[in-house]
């Protein structure tokens, strides 16, 4: 079967609409955080590992590390009995293990600071922080900052709220 140019353009337009319509229909802003690792696995990280978003933003995590499974896990008593390091009104999250190219999405609505980690790689410093909204916003909850429950080396791995708000995003490549 040979398609005319018109039939080809109509088909291509339909395919493009099918791919973009769900994103347009959601009306929600989104950010991407990738899970990364070196080829031999001696270093693992979230990239960016610090990001500022507006309430209602969809945060999509993708495992881009071909050699490791990773998780996206909130610090919360309901998830492995950890100290709460997300806003009090926020729903705790845990992606379970994501294999290479697997994704996990969540929508963050409560203003404040969300700290998260990778279960098997927390001690390797694979942690991150999302700041939702602004400190002056109604309902702002920064109780994650200084909440404890982690080793000093892990605490030091979180970027400051101020640096995240100043730059909007902090990538591992910026630390080199």
Protein backbone atom coordinates (compact mmCIF):
# COMPACT_ATOMS: atom_id res chain seq x y z
CA UNK A 1 0.00 0.00 0.00
CA UNK A 2 1.38 3.42 -0.96
CA UNK A 3 0.30 6.40 1.14
CA UNK A 4 -0.22 9.83 -0.30
CA UNK A 5 1.54 12.76 1.32
CA UNK A 6 -1.79 13.92 2.78
CA UNK A 7 -2.51 10.50 4.34
CA UNK A 8 1.00 10.37 5.76
CA UNK A 9 0.69 13.86 7.30
CA UNK A 10 -2.73 13.06 8.79
CA UNK A 11 -1.39 9.85 10.29
CA UNK A 12 1.70 11.54 11.69
CA UNK A 13 -0.40 14.36 13.17
CA UNK A 14 -2.66 11.85 14.85
CA UNK A 15 0.30 9.98 16.32
CA UNK A 16 1.84 13.22 17.62
CA UNK A 17 -1.47 14.25 19.18
CA UNK A 18 -1.83 10.86 20.86
CA UNK A 19 1.59 11.25 22.45
CA UNK A 20 1.23 14.89 23.56
CA UNK A 21 -2.46 15.03 24.52
CA UNK A 22 -2.06 13.31 27.91
CA UNK A 23 0.65 15.82 28.85
CA UNK A 24 -1.39 18.79 27.64
CA UNK A 25 -4.57 17.49 29.28
CA UNK A 26 -2.93 17.07 32.66
CA UNK A 27 -2.18 20.80 32.78
CA UNK A 28 0.40 20.11 35.46
CA UNK A 29 3.97 21.28 35.32
CA UNK A 30 6.49 18.47 35.59
CA UNK A 31 10.14 17.93 36.40
CA UNK A 32 12.42 15.00 35.70
CA UNK A 33 14.88 13.53 38.20
CA UNK A 34 17.16 10.79 36.91
CA UNK A 35 18.79 8.02 38.90
CA UNK A 36 22.38 7.68 37.74
CA UNK A 37 25.46 5.59 38.39
CA UNK A 38 28.96 5.12 37.08
CA UNK A 39 29.61 2.19 34.74
CA UNK A 40 31.26 0.11 37.48
CA UNK A 41 28.78 1.20 40.14
CA UNK A 42 31.23 2.90 42.47
CA UNK A 43 29.08 6.05 42.57
CA UNK A 44 25.28 6.54 42.43
CA UNK A 45 23.15 9.70 42.59
CA UNK A 46 19.90 11.50 41.78
CA UNK A 47 20.23 14.19 39.10
CA UNK A 48 19.25 16.81 39.94
CA UNK A 49 19.41 16.03 43.65
CA UNK A 50 17.92 19.36 44.67
CA UNK A 51 15.00 20.99 42.88
CA UNK A 52 12.41 23.71 43.57
CA UNK A 53 8.86 23.25 42.25
CA UNK A 54 5.41 24.79 42.65
CA UNK A 55 2.71 22.89 44.54
CA UNK A 56 0.92 20.45 42.24
CA UNK A 57 4.02 19.70 40.16
CA UNK A 58 4.42 16.18 38.81
CA UNK A 59 7.86 14.80 39.67
CA UNK A 60 8.98 11.98 37.41
CA UNK A 61 11.90 9.75 38.40
CA UNK A 62 13.63 7.61 35.75
CA UNK A 63 16.31 5.01 36.45
CA UNK A 64 19.05 5.79 33.89
CA UNK A 65 21.58 3.57 35.68
CA UNK A 66 22.03 0.45 33.55
CA UNK A 67 23.80 -1.42 36.34
CA UNK A 68 21.58 -0.88 39.39
CA UNK A 69 18.01 -0.98 40.63
CA UNK A 70 17.03 2.08 42.70
CA UNK A 71 14.13 3.35 44.81
CA UNK A 72 12.62 6.75 45.50
CA UNK A 73 11.65 6.62 49.15
CA UNK A 74 10.35 9.30 51.52
CA UNK A 75 11.78 9.58 54.99
CA UNK A 76 8.65 8.77 57.00
CA UNK A 77 7.66 6.50 59.92
CA UNK A 78 5.16 4.67 57.67
CA UNK A 79 7.99 3.75 55.30
CA UNK A 80 10.49 1.52 57.07
CA UNK A 81 10.04 3.37 60.38
CA UNK A 82 12.23 6.33 59.39
CA UNK A 83 12.14 9.82 60.91
CA UNK A 84 9.66 12.05 59.02
CA UNK A 85 11.51 14.39 56.64
CA UNK A 86 8.58 15.46 54.47
CA UNK A 87 5.76 17.93 55.27
CA UNK A 88 3.37 16.68 57.94
CA UNK A 89 0.40 16.86 55.54
CA UNK A 90 2.24 15.09 52.71
CA UNK A 91 1.58 11.49 51.76
CA UNK A 92 4.64 9.25 52.22
CA UNK A 93 5.92 7.54 49.08
CA UNK A 94 8.06 4.56 48.10
CA UNK A 95 8.57 3.52 44.49
CA UNK A 96 9.74 -0.01 45.26
CA UNK A 97 12.69 -1.15 43.16
CA UNK A 98 12.98 0.44 39.72
CA UNK A 99 14.98 -1.45 37.13
CA UNK A 100 16.88 0.43 34.41
CA UNK A 101 14.53 2.72 32.43
CA UNK A 102 11.62 2.16 34.87
CA UNK A 103 9.81 5.30 36.01
CA UNK A 104 7.95 6.51 39.09
CA UNK A 105 5.80 9.62 39.31
CA UNK A 106 4.25 11.56 42.12
CA UNK A 107 2.52 14.89 42.52
CA UNK A 108 3.67 17.05 45.41
CA UNK A 109 0.96 19.37 46.73
CA UNK A 110 1.88 20.28 50.33
CA UNK A 111 4.29 23.25 50.50
CA UNK A 112 7.57 22.46 52.20
CA UNK A 113 10.70 20.35 52.10
CA UNK A 114 10.69 16.73 50.93
CA UNK A 115 13.78 14.61 51.58
CA UNK A 116 14.05 11.24 49.85
CA UNK A 117 16.58 8.46 49.38
CA UNK A 118 17.36 5.24 47.56
CA UNK A 119 16.96 2.29 49.96
CA UNK A 120 19.98 0.24 48.84
CA UNK A 121 22.20 3.28 48.22
CA UNK A 122 21.43 5.74 51.02
CA UNK A 123 24.74 5.08 52.74
CA UNK A 124 26.47 5.84 49.44
CA UNK A 125 24.88 9.31 49.61
CA UNK A 126 22.05 8.72 47.13
CA UNK A 127 19.63 11.25 48.62
CA UNK A 128 17.72 14.22 47.30
CA UNK A 129 15.54 17.14 48.28
CA UNK A 130 12.55 18.76 46.61
CA UNK A 131 11.39 22.16 47.84
CA UNK A 132 7.71 22.73 47.08
CA UNK A 133 6.56 26.35 47.08
CA UNK A 134 8.15 29.23 48.97
CA UNK A 135 8.93 29.69 52.67
CA UNK A 136 6.39 32.52 52.97
CA UNK A 137 3.58 30.38 51.56
CA UNK A 138 0.64 29.38 53.73
CA UNK A 139 1.12 25.89 55.13
CA UNK A 140 4.89 25.90 54.47
CA UNK A 141 6.52 23.02 56.38
CA UNK A 142 10.29 22.83 56.57
CA UNK A 143 10.39 20.37 59.46
CA UNK A 144 12.54 18.07 57.29
CA UNK A 145 15.45 20.46 57.76
CA UNK A 146 17.27 19.37 60.88
CA UNK A 147 14.83 16.52 61.61
CA UNK A 148 17.72 14.12 62.15
CA UNK A 149 17.33 10.39 61.72
CA UNK A 150 20.28 10.11 59.34
CA UNK A 151 24.06 9.88 59.71
CA UNK A 152 26.01 13.17 59.64
CA UNK A 153 27.49 12.27 56.25
CA UNK A 154 23.98 11.80 54.82
CA UNK A 155 22.72 15.03 56.40
CA UNK A 156 25.63 16.86 54.75
CA UNK A 157 24.67 15.41 51.34
CA UNK A 158 21.35 17.32 51.21
CA UNK A 159 21.60 20.68 49.46
CA UNK A 160 20.35 23.63 51.50
CA UNK A 161 16.85 24.96 50.93
CA UNK A 162 18.37 28.37 50.23
CA UNK A 163 20.66 27.05 47.48
CA UNK A 164 17.80 25.14 45.87
CA UNK A 165 15.54 28.20 45.89
CA UNK A 166 18.34 30.43 44.56
CA UNK A 167 19.17 28.20 41.59
CA UNK A 168 15.93 26.26 41.07
CA UNK A 169 17.86 23.03 40.57
CA UNK A 170 21.13 21.53 41.78
CA UNK A 171 22.78 18.90 39.63
CA UNK A 172 25.55 16.49 40.62
CA UNK A 173 27.59 17.81 37.68
CA UNK A 174 27.68 21.25 39.36
CA UNK A 175 29.66 19.80 42.27
CA UNK A 176 32.63 18.70 40.16
